[in-house]
Structure formats: structure tokens, C-alpha cells
Amino acid sequence: MKRQKRNVSSRAQARGYQAGMAGKSRSLCPHDTGDARHIWLTGWRVGREDNWDGFNTQAQIQRLNNM
């Protein structure tokens, strides 16, 4: 049985969150313009805040599952 791909926006947000948690620069956003870029940057901001607040790996997994 084939798995359905996740929604592009939720995938962009999750990838942005992961980049933010890893401490990567927001200039590494893979999207040039549009909604996907905005959503990726929103995820990145949340990831940076969580990183600064000291969230651990378990908290990261919970946050990603709720996105």
C-alpha cells in the first residue's frame, strides 16, 4: 500500500523547525518566494526559540508530531 505524501506546507514547517533547532541560518531556506517560504521561516523561528529555551530531543519530537 502506498503512503500518501504529507502536505507541502506541513513538510516545509517541519523542515524549517528542524533547521532552527540545528542552529542553521534562515538564509538556507530552500524556497525563494511564496507561502512555502513564509511557512518554512515560521517553523524556523519556532525552532530557534525552542533551541534557545533548551528543549531536548524528546520535546522536539513531540513538537514535530503536533505540527
N, C-alpha and C. Protein backbone atom coordinates (compact mmCIF):
# COMPACT_ATOMS: atom_id res chain seq x y z
N MET A 1 0.84 -1.17 0.00
CA MET A 1 0.00 0.00 0.00
C MET A 1 0.90 1.25 0.00
N LYS A 2 0.60 2.19 -0.86
CA LYS A 2 1.40 3.40 -0.96
C LYS A 2 1.05 4.36 0.17
N ARG A 3 2.07 5.04 0.61
CA ARG A 3 1.86 6.08 1.61
C ARG A 3 1.62 7.40 0.91
N GLN A 4 0.69 8.16 1.41
CA GLN A 4 0.44 9.47 0.83
C GLN A 4 1.50 10.45 1.31
N LYS A 5 1.89 11.34 0.41
CA LYS A 5 2.82 12.38 0.81
C LYS A 5 2.13 13.35 1.74
N ARG A 6 2.92 13.88 2.64
CA ARG A 6 2.36 14.88 3.55
C ARG A 6 2.14 16.18 2.81
N ASN A 7 1.35 17.00 3.36
CA ASN A 7 1.06 18.31 2.80
C ASN A 7 2.37 19.11 2.67
N VAL A 8 2.52 19.85 1.60
CA VAL A 8 3.74 20.62 1.36
C VAL A 8 3.97 21.64 2.47
N SER A 9 2.92 22.27 2.93
CA SER A 9 3.08 23.29 3.97
C SER A 9 3.52 22.68 5.30
N SER A 10 2.96 21.54 5.68
CA SER A 10 3.38 20.92 6.94
C SER A 10 4.80 20.40 6.84
N ARG A 11 5.18 19.92 5.67
CA ARG A 11 6.55 19.45 5.48
C ARG A 11 7.52 20.63 5.53
N ALA A 12 7.16 21.77 4.94
CA ALA A 12 8.02 22.95 4.97
C ALA A 12 8.19 23.45 6.40
N GLN A 13 7.12 23.45 7.17
CA GLN A 13 7.20 23.91 8.55
C GLN A 13 8.09 22.98 9.38
N ALA A 14 7.93 21.68 9.18
CA ALA A 14 8.75 20.73 9.93
C ALA A 14 10.22 20.86 9.57
N ARG A 15 10.52 21.03 8.29
CA ARG A 15 11.91 21.19 7.86
C ARG A 15 12.50 22.49 8.40
N GLY A 16 11.70 23.56 8.42
CA GLY A 16 12.16 24.81 8.99
C GLY A 16 12.42 24.69 10.48
N TYR A 17 11.55 23.98 11.16
CA TYR A 17 11.72 23.76 12.60
C TYR A 17 13.02 23.00 12.87
N GLN A 18 13.27 21.96 12.09
CA GLN A 18 14.48 21.17 12.26
C GLN A 18 15.72 22.02 12.00
N ALA A 19 15.67 22.88 11.00
CA ALA A 19 16.81 23.76 10.70
C ALA A 19 17.02 24.75 11.84
N GLY A 20 15.94 25.28 12.39
CA GLY A 20 16.06 26.20 13.52
C GLY A 20 16.63 25.54 14.75
N MET A 21 16.21 24.33 15.03
CA MET A 21 16.73 23.59 16.19
C MET A 21 18.20 23.25 16.01
N ALA A 22 18.62 23.07 14.76
CA ALA A 22 20.02 22.74 14.49
C ALA A 22 20.89 23.99 14.50
N GLY A 23 20.28 25.17 14.63
CA GLY A 23 21.05 26.40 14.69
C GLY A 23 21.48 26.92 13.33
N LYS A 24 20.82 26.46 12.29
CA LYS A 24 21.18 26.88 10.94
C LYS A 24 20.59 28.26 10.64
N SER A 25 21.20 28.92 9.68
CA SER A 25 20.79 30.27 9.29
C SER A 25 19.48 30.22 8.51
N ARG A 26 18.69 31.27 8.66
CA ARG A 26 17.44 31.32 7.91
C ARG A 26 17.67 31.57 6.43
N SER A 27 18.86 31.99 6.06
CA SER A 27 19.18 32.20 4.64
C SER A 27 19.28 30.88 3.89
N LEU A 28 19.27 29.76 4.61
CA LEU A 28 19.31 28.44 3.98
C LEU A 28 17.94 27.93 3.57
N CYS A 29 16.93 28.78 3.65
CA CYS A 29 15.57 28.39 3.26
C CYS A 29 15.57 27.94 1.80
N PRO A 30 15.06 26.75 1.51
CA PRO A 30 15.08 26.24 0.13
C PRO A 30 14.03 26.87 -0.78
N HIS A 31 13.12 27.66 -0.23
CA HIS A 31 12.05 28.25 -1.02
C HIS A 31 12.38 29.72 -1.29
N ASP A 32 12.20 30.13 -2.54
CA ASP A 32 12.53 31.51 -2.92
C ASP A 32 11.44 32.50 -2.53
N THR A 33 10.21 32.18 -2.84
CA THR A 33 9.10 33.10 -2.55
C THR A 33 7.86 32.29 -2.20
N GLY A 34 6.81 33.01 -1.83
CA GLY A 34 5.51 32.38 -1.65
C GLY A 34 5.22 31.90 -0.25
N ASP A 35 4.12 31.16 -0.19
CA ASP A 35 3.65 30.65 1.10
C ASP A 35 4.61 29.65 1.72
N ALA A 36 5.22 28.82 0.89
CA ALA A 36 6.13 27.81 1.43
C ALA A 36 7.30 28.46 2.17
N ARG A 37 7.81 29.57 1.62
CA ARG A 37 8.91 30.27 2.30
C ARG A 37 8.43 30.84 3.64
N HIS A 38 7.26 31.45 3.64
CA HIS A 38 6.71 32.02 4.87
C HIS A 38 6.52 30.93 5.92
N ILE A 39 5.97 29.82 5.53
CA ILE A 39 5.72 28.71 6.46
C ILE A 39 7.04 28.13 6.96
N TRP A 40 8.03 27.98 6.07
CA TRP A 40 9.35 27.46 6.47
C TRP A 40 9.97 28.39 7.49
N LEU A 41 9.91 29.71 7.25
CA LEU A 41 10.50 30.67 8.18
C LEU A 41 9.76 30.69 9.51
N THR A 42 8.47 30.47 9.50
CA THR A 42 7.71 30.39 10.75
C THR A 42 8.19 29.18 11.56
N GLY A 43 8.34 28.04 10.90
CA GLY A 43 8.87 26.86 11.58
C GLY A 43 10.28 27.09 12.09
N TRP A 44 11.09 27.80 11.31
CA TRP A 44 12.47 28.11 11.71
C TRP A 44 12.49 28.95 12.98
N ARG A 45 11.61 29.98 13.03
CA ARG A 45 11.56 30.85 14.21
C ARG A 45 11.18 30.07 15.46
N VAL A 46 10.19 29.21 15.33
CA VAL A 46 9.77 28.38 16.48
C VAL A 46 10.91 27.47 16.91
N GLY A 47 11.61 26.90 15.94
CA GLY A 47 12.75 26.03 16.24
C GLY A 47 13.87 26.77 16.95
N ARG A 48 14.15 28.00 16.51
CA ARG A 48 15.19 28.80 17.18
C ARG A 48 14.79 29.11 18.62
N GLU A 49 13.52 29.49 18.81
CA GLU A 49 13.06 29.78 20.17
C GLU A 49 13.17 28.56 21.06
N ASP A 50 12.77 27.40 20.53
CA ASP A 50 12.86 26.17 21.33
C ASP A 50 14.32 25.83 21.62
N ASN A 51 15.20 26.08 20.67
CA ASN A 51 16.62 25.83 20.88
C ASN A 51 17.16 26.73 21.98
N TRP A 52 16.80 28.01 21.93
CA TRP A 52 17.25 28.95 22.96
C TRP A 52 16.67 28.61 24.33
N ASP A 53 15.46 28.05 24.34
CA ASP A 53 14.83 27.67 25.61
C ASP A 53 15.36 26.35 26.16
N GLY A 54 16.19 25.66 25.39
CA GLY A 54 16.84 24.45 25.86
C GLY A 54 16.00 23.19 25.74
N PHE A 55 15.11 23.13 24.76
CA PHE A 55 14.31 21.92 24.58
C PHE A 55 15.22 20.75 24.23
N ASN A 56 14.89 19.59 24.75
CA ASN A 56 15.67 18.39 24.46
C ASN A 56 15.09 17.63 23.28
N THR A 57 15.68 16.52 22.93
CA THR A 57 15.26 15.75 21.77
C THR A 57 13.82 15.25 21.89
N GLN A 58 13.42 14.83 23.06
CA GLN A 58 12.06 14.34 23.27
C GLN A 58 11.04 15.44 23.02
N ALA A 59 11.33 16.64 23.49
CA ALA A 59 10.42 17.77 23.28
C ALA A 59 10.35 18.13 21.80
N GLN A 60 11.48 18.01 21.10
CA GLN A 60 11.49 18.28 19.65
C GLN A 60 10.57 17.33 18.92
N ILE A 61 10.64 16.06 19.27
CA ILE A 61 9.82 15.04 18.61
C ILE A 61 8.35 15.31 18.86
N GLN A 62 8.00 15.68 20.10
CA GLN A 62 6.60 16.00 20.40
C GLN A 62 6.12 17.19 19.60
N ARG A 63 6.97 18.21 19.49
CA ARG A 63 6.58 19.41 18.75
C ARG A 63 6.38 19.08 17.27
N LEU A 64 7.26 18.28 16.70
CA LEU A 64 7.13 17.91 15.29
C LEU A 64 5.88 17.08 15.03
N ASN A 65 5.51 16.24 15.97
CA ASN A 65 4.31 15.43 15.80
C ASN A 65 3.05 16.26 15.87
N ASN A 66 3.10 17.40 16.57
CA ASN A 66 1.93 18.26 16.69
C ASN A 66 1.80 19.27 15.57
N MET A 67 2.79 19.36 14.70
CA MET A 67 2.74 20.33 13.59
C MET A 67 1.85 19.84 12.50
